[in-house]
Amino acid sequence: MTDPTGRDLVLTRSIAASPAALYPARTEPDLLKRWFAPAPFTVSEAETDLRTGGATRIVMRASDGSEFQSAGVHEAMGFHEGWGRCANQLAERAAEL
């Protein structure tokens, strides 16, 4: 990403796992529950339907029992394209700050 002043920001995170391991960790509800929420939050519910038009619903629970739901619908895109789109959206939002 290049900002208007010409500076670059590169964020890289290497995970010692294969794409074959990462894909189910991001798409299977039982695996999402194990990592998706930042501690001390937990994921109390996770539903995913990866088909185009399918819904995803994740409920994070705080230590006080309050819950926060996130829901969405899958668009027609591949796994890597979707993450790339998220990175682009992050860049756009950061540019607005």
N, C-alpha and C. Protein backbone atom coordinates (compact mmCIF):
# COMPACT_ATOMS: atom_id res chain seq x y z
N MET A 1 0.85 -1.17 0.00
CA MET A 1 0.00 0.00 0.00
C MET A 1 0.89 1.23 0.00
N THR A 2 0.56 2.20 -0.78
CA THR A 2 1.28 3.47 -0.81
C THR A 2 0.31 4.58 -0.42
N ASP A 3 0.71 5.37 0.56
CA ASP A 3 -0.16 6.48 0.97
C ASP A 3 0.17 7.71 0.13
N PRO A 4 -0.64 8.76 0.23
CA PRO A 4 -0.42 9.96 -0.60
C PRO A 4 0.94 10.60 -0.43
N THR A 5 1.62 10.37 0.69
CA THR A 5 2.94 10.97 0.90
C THR A 5 4.04 10.13 0.28
N GLY A 6 3.68 8.97 -0.29
CA GLY A 6 4.67 8.13 -0.92
C GLY A 6 5.29 7.08 -0.01
N ARG A 7 4.86 7.04 1.25
CA ARG A 7 5.39 6.02 2.16
C ARG A 7 4.65 4.71 1.95
N ASP A 8 5.32 3.61 2.19
CA ASP A 8 4.71 2.29 2.07
C ASP A 8 4.54 1.68 3.44
N LEU A 9 3.47 0.92 3.59
CA LEU A 9 3.24 0.14 4.79
C LEU A 9 2.97 -1.29 4.34
N VAL A 10 3.77 -2.20 4.82
CA VAL A 10 3.59 -3.61 4.48
C VAL A 10 3.40 -4.38 5.77
N LEU A 11 2.27 -5.05 5.88
CA LEU A 11 1.99 -5.90 7.03
C LEU A 11 2.09 -7.35 6.57
N THR A 12 2.90 -8.12 7.23
CA THR A 12 3.08 -9.51 6.87
C THR A 12 2.96 -10.36 8.11
N ARG A 13 2.22 -11.41 8.00
CA ARG A 13 2.11 -12.37 9.10
C ARG A 13 2.30 -13.74 8.50
N SER A 14 3.35 -14.41 8.89
CA SER A 14 3.60 -15.77 8.43
C SER A 14 3.07 -16.74 9.47
N ILE A 15 2.33 -17.69 9.02
CA ILE A 15 1.78 -18.71 9.91
C ILE A 15 2.36 -20.05 9.48
N ALA A 16 2.92 -20.74 10.42
CA ALA A 16 3.57 -22.02 10.13
C ALA A 16 2.52 -23.12 9.96
N ALA A 17 1.75 -22.99 8.89
CA ALA A 17 0.72 -23.98 8.57
C ALA A 17 0.49 -23.94 7.07
N SER A 18 0.06 -25.04 6.54
CA SER A 18 -0.21 -25.12 5.11
C SER A 18 -1.56 -24.50 4.79
N PRO A 19 -1.77 -24.08 3.54
CA PRO A 19 -3.10 -23.62 3.13
C PRO A 19 -4.17 -24.68 3.40
N ALA A 20 -3.79 -25.94 3.27
CA ALA A 20 -4.75 -27.03 3.52
C ALA A 20 -5.19 -27.05 4.99
N ALA A 21 -4.36 -26.57 5.89
CA ALA A 21 -4.73 -26.49 7.30
C ALA A 21 -5.45 -25.17 7.61
N LEU A 22 -5.02 -24.09 6.97
CA LEU A 22 -5.62 -22.78 7.24
C LEU A 22 -7.05 -22.67 6.72
N TYR A 23 -7.32 -23.24 5.57
CA TYR A 23 -8.66 -23.13 4.99
C TYR A 23 -9.73 -23.68 5.93
N PRO A 24 -9.61 -24.91 6.43
CA PRO A 24 -10.65 -25.38 7.35
C PRO A 24 -10.69 -24.58 8.65
N ALA A 25 -9.55 -24.08 9.11
CA ALA A 25 -9.54 -23.28 10.34
C ALA A 25 -10.37 -22.02 10.18
N ARG A 26 -10.47 -21.52 8.96
CA ARG A 26 -11.24 -20.30 8.69
C ARG A 26 -12.67 -20.59 8.25
N THR A 27 -12.97 -21.82 7.85
CA THR A 27 -14.27 -22.11 7.26
C THR A 27 -15.12 -23.11 8.03
N GLU A 28 -14.55 -23.86 8.95
CA GLU A 28 -15.31 -24.87 9.69
C GLU A 28 -15.68 -24.32 11.08
N PRO A 29 -16.98 -24.32 11.40
CA PRO A 29 -17.44 -23.73 12.65
C PRO A 29 -16.71 -24.22 13.91
N ASP A 30 -16.50 -25.52 14.04
CA ASP A 30 -15.84 -26.02 15.25
C ASP A 30 -14.41 -25.50 15.39
N LEU A 31 -13.74 -25.31 14.26
CA LEU A 31 -12.38 -24.76 14.31
C LEU A 31 -12.39 -23.25 14.52
N LEU A 32 -13.35 -22.54 13.91
CA LEU A 32 -13.48 -21.10 14.13
C LEU A 32 -13.64 -20.78 15.61
N LYS A 33 -14.41 -21.61 16.29
CA LYS A 33 -14.67 -21.38 17.73
C LYS A 33 -13.39 -21.41 18.55
N ARG A 34 -12.37 -22.09 18.06
CA ARG A 34 -11.14 -22.26 18.83
C ARG A 34 -10.18 -21.08 18.72
N TRP A 35 -10.40 -20.17 17.75
CA TRP A 35 -9.40 -19.10 17.59
C TRP A 35 -9.97 -17.74 17.20
N PHE A 36 -11.20 -17.64 16.75
CA PHE A 36 -11.67 -16.44 16.09
C PHE A 36 -11.78 -15.22 16.99
N ALA A 37 -12.07 -15.39 18.27
CA ALA A 37 -12.25 -14.24 19.16
C ALA A 37 -10.98 -13.97 19.97
N PRO A 38 -10.65 -12.69 20.17
CA PRO A 38 -9.48 -12.37 21.00
C PRO A 38 -9.77 -12.67 22.47
N ALA A 39 -8.83 -13.33 23.14
CA ALA A 39 -8.99 -13.65 24.56
C ALA A 39 -9.17 -12.35 25.34
N PRO A 40 -10.02 -12.31 26.32
CA PRO A 40 -10.71 -13.42 26.98
C PRO A 40 -12.06 -13.75 26.36
N PHE A 41 -12.43 -13.17 25.22
CA PHE A 41 -13.66 -13.53 24.55
C PHE A 41 -13.59 -14.97 24.06
N THR A 42 -14.74 -15.59 23.91
CA THR A 42 -14.84 -16.90 23.30
C THR A 42 -15.89 -16.82 22.19
N VAL A 43 -15.90 -17.81 21.33
CA VAL A 43 -16.94 -17.89 20.31
C VAL A 43 -17.95 -18.93 20.81
N SER A 44 -19.16 -18.46 21.11
CA SER A 44 -20.19 -19.37 21.62
C SER A 44 -20.97 -20.04 20.49
N GLU A 45 -21.06 -19.38 19.34
CA GLU A 45 -21.78 -19.94 18.20
C GLU A 45 -21.06 -19.57 16.92
N ALA A 46 -21.00 -20.52 15.99
CA ALA A 46 -20.42 -20.25 14.68
C ALA A 46 -21.17 -21.09 13.65
N GLU A 47 -21.62 -20.43 12.61
CA GLU A 47 -22.31 -21.10 11.51
C GLU A 47 -21.73 -20.57 10.21
N THR A 48 -21.44 -21.45 9.29
CA THR A 48 -20.93 -21.01 7.98
C THR A 48 -21.57 -21.85 6.88
N ASP A 49 -21.99 -21.19 5.85
CA ASP A 49 -22.47 -21.82 4.63
C ASP A 49 -21.67 -21.16 3.52
N LEU A 50 -20.67 -21.85 3.01
CA LEU A 50 -19.70 -21.25 2.09
C LEU A 50 -20.22 -21.08 0.67
N ARG A 51 -21.40 -21.55 0.39
CA ARG A 51 -21.94 -21.37 -0.96
C ARG A 51 -22.21 -19.89 -1.21
N THR A 52 -22.15 -19.48 -2.47
CA THR A 52 -22.50 -18.10 -2.82
C THR A 52 -23.92 -17.83 -2.33
N GLY A 53 -24.09 -16.77 -1.57
CA GLY A 53 -25.38 -16.45 -0.97
C GLY A 53 -25.59 -17.09 0.39
N GLY A 54 -24.66 -17.95 0.79
CA GLY A 54 -24.76 -18.61 2.10
C GLY A 54 -24.40 -17.66 3.22
N ALA A 55 -24.94 -17.93 4.38
CA ALA A 55 -24.75 -17.04 5.53
C ALA A 55 -23.65 -17.53 6.45
N THR A 56 -23.01 -16.56 7.09
CA THR A 56 -22.06 -16.82 8.17
C THR A 56 -22.54 -16.05 9.39
N ARG A 57 -22.49 -16.70 10.52
CA ARG A 57 -22.90 -16.05 11.77
C ARG A 57 -21.94 -16.49 12.86
N ILE A 58 -21.37 -15.51 13.56
CA ILE A 58 -20.44 -15.79 14.65
C ILE A 58 -20.88 -14.96 15.85
N VAL A 59 -20.95 -15.60 16.99
CA VAL A 59 -21.31 -14.91 18.23
C VAL A 59 -20.13 -15.00 19.18
N MET A 60 -19.61 -13.83 19.57
CA MET A 60 -18.52 -13.79 20.54
C MET A 60 -19.11 -13.48 21.91
N ARG A 61 -18.58 -14.13 22.93
CA ARG A 61 -19.07 -13.94 24.29
C ARG A 61 -17.95 -13.38 25.16
N ALA A 62 -18.28 -12.32 25.90
CA ALA A 62 -17.33 -11.71 26.85
C ALA A 62 -17.37 -12.48 28.16
N SER A 63 -16.39 -12.23 29.00
CA SER A 63 -16.31 -12.93 30.28
C SER A 63 -17.49 -12.61 31.19
N ASP A 64 -18.16 -11.47 30.96
CA ASP A 64 -19.34 -11.12 31.77
C ASP A 64 -20.62 -11.74 31.21
N GLY A 65 -20.51 -12.50 30.11
CA GLY A 65 -21.66 -13.16 29.51
C GLY A 65 -22.33 -12.39 28.39
N SER A 66 -21.96 -11.14 28.21
CA SER A 66 -22.55 -10.38 27.10
C SER A 66 -22.06 -10.95 25.78
N GLU A 67 -22.94 -10.89 24.77
CA GLU A 67 -22.62 -11.48 23.48
C GLU A 67 -22.68 -10.45 22.37
N PHE A 68 -21.87 -10.67 21.36
CA PHE A 68 -21.77 -9.78 20.21
C PHE A 68 -21.83 -10.63 18.95
N GLN A 69 -22.85 -10.38 18.14
CA GLN A 69 -23.06 -11.18 16.94
C GLN A 69 -22.52 -10.49 15.70
N SER A 70 -21.93 -11.27 14.83
CA SER A 70 -21.48 -10.80 13.53
C SER A 70 -22.07 -11.75 12.49
N ALA A 71 -22.70 -11.19 11.47
CA ALA A 71 -23.33 -12.02 10.45
C ALA A 71 -23.06 -11.43 9.08
N GLY A 72 -23.06 -12.28 8.08
CA GLY A 72 -22.85 -11.82 6.72
C GLY A 72 -23.27 -12.88 5.72
N VAL A 73 -23.17 -12.52 4.45
CA VAL A 73 -23.52 -13.42 3.35
C VAL A 73 -22.32 -13.54 2.44
N HIS A 74 -22.01 -14.77 2.04
CA HIS A 74 -20.87 -15.00 1.16
C HIS A 74 -21.18 -14.56 -0.26
N GLU A 75 -20.26 -13.80 -0.82
CA GLU A 75 -20.35 -13.41 -2.22
C GLU A 75 -19.58 -14.43 -3.05
N ALA A 76 -19.73 -14.35 -4.33
CA ALA A 76 -19.00 -15.25 -5.22
C ALA A 76 -17.54 -14.82 -5.28
N MET A 77 -16.70 -15.49 -4.54
CA MET A 77 -15.26 -15.22 -4.57
C MET A 77 -14.53 -16.40 -3.96
N GLY A 78 -13.30 -16.55 -4.31
CA GLY A 78 -12.50 -17.62 -3.76
C GLY A 78 -11.91 -17.23 -2.41
N PHE A 79 -11.36 -18.19 -1.74
CA PHE A 79 -10.80 -17.97 -0.40
C PHE A 79 -9.72 -16.89 -0.43
N HIS A 80 -8.75 -17.01 -1.33
CA HIS A 80 -7.65 -16.05 -1.36
C HIS A 80 -8.13 -14.68 -1.84
N GLU A 81 -9.05 -14.66 -2.81
CA GLU A 81 -9.59 -13.39 -3.29
C GLU A 81 -10.32 -12.67 -2.16
N GLY A 82 -11.04 -13.42 -1.35
CA GLY A 82 -11.77 -12.82 -0.24
C GLY A 82 -10.86 -12.17 0.77
N TRP A 83 -9.77 -12.84 1.13
CA TRP A 83 -8.82 -12.24 2.07
C TRP A 83 -8.14 -11.04 1.45
N GLY A 84 -7.86 -11.11 0.15
CA GLY A 84 -7.27 -9.96 -0.53
C GLY A 84 -8.21 -8.77 -0.51
N ARG A 85 -9.50 -9.03 -0.70
CA ARG A 85 -10.49 -7.96 -0.64
C ARG A 85 -10.51 -7.33 0.74
N CYS A 86 -10.44 -8.17 1.77
CA CYS A 86 -10.42 -7.64 3.14
C CYS A 86 -9.19 -6.76 3.36
N ALA A 87 -8.05 -7.19 2.84
CA ALA A 87 -6.84 -6.38 2.98
C ALA A 87 -7.00 -5.05 2.25
N ASN A 88 -7.63 -5.07 1.08
CA ASN A 88 -7.89 -3.82 0.35
C ASN A 88 -8.81 -2.91 1.14
N GLN A 89 -9.83 -3.49 1.75
CA GLN A 89 -10.76 -2.69 2.56
C GLN A 89 -10.04 -2.08 3.76
N LEU A 90 -9.16 -2.84 4.39
CA LEU A 90 -8.37 -2.31 5.48
C LEU A 90 -7.55 -1.12 5.01
N ALA A 91 -6.93 -1.25 3.86
CA ALA A 91 -6.12 -0.15 3.32
C ALA A 91 -6.97 1.08 3.06
N GLU A 92 -8.17 0.88 2.52
CA GLU A 92 -9.06 2.01 2.26
C GLU A 92 -9.48 2.70 3.55
N ARG A 93 -9.86 1.91 4.56
CA ARG A 93 -10.29 2.51 5.83
C ARG A 93 -9.13 3.24 6.50
N ALA A 94 -7.95 2.64 6.48
CA ALA A 94 -6.78 3.28 7.10
C ALA A 94 -6.45 4.59 6.40
N ALA A 95 -6.66 4.64 5.08
CA ALA A 95 -6.38 5.86 4.33
C ALA A 95 -7.33 6.99 4.72
N GLU A 96 -8.50 6.64 5.24
CA GLU A 96 -9.48 7.64 5.64
C GLU A 96 -9.17 8.25 7.01
N LEU A 97 -8.29 7.63 7.76
CA LEU A 97 -8.00 8.10 9.13
C LEU A 97 -7.09 9.30 9.14
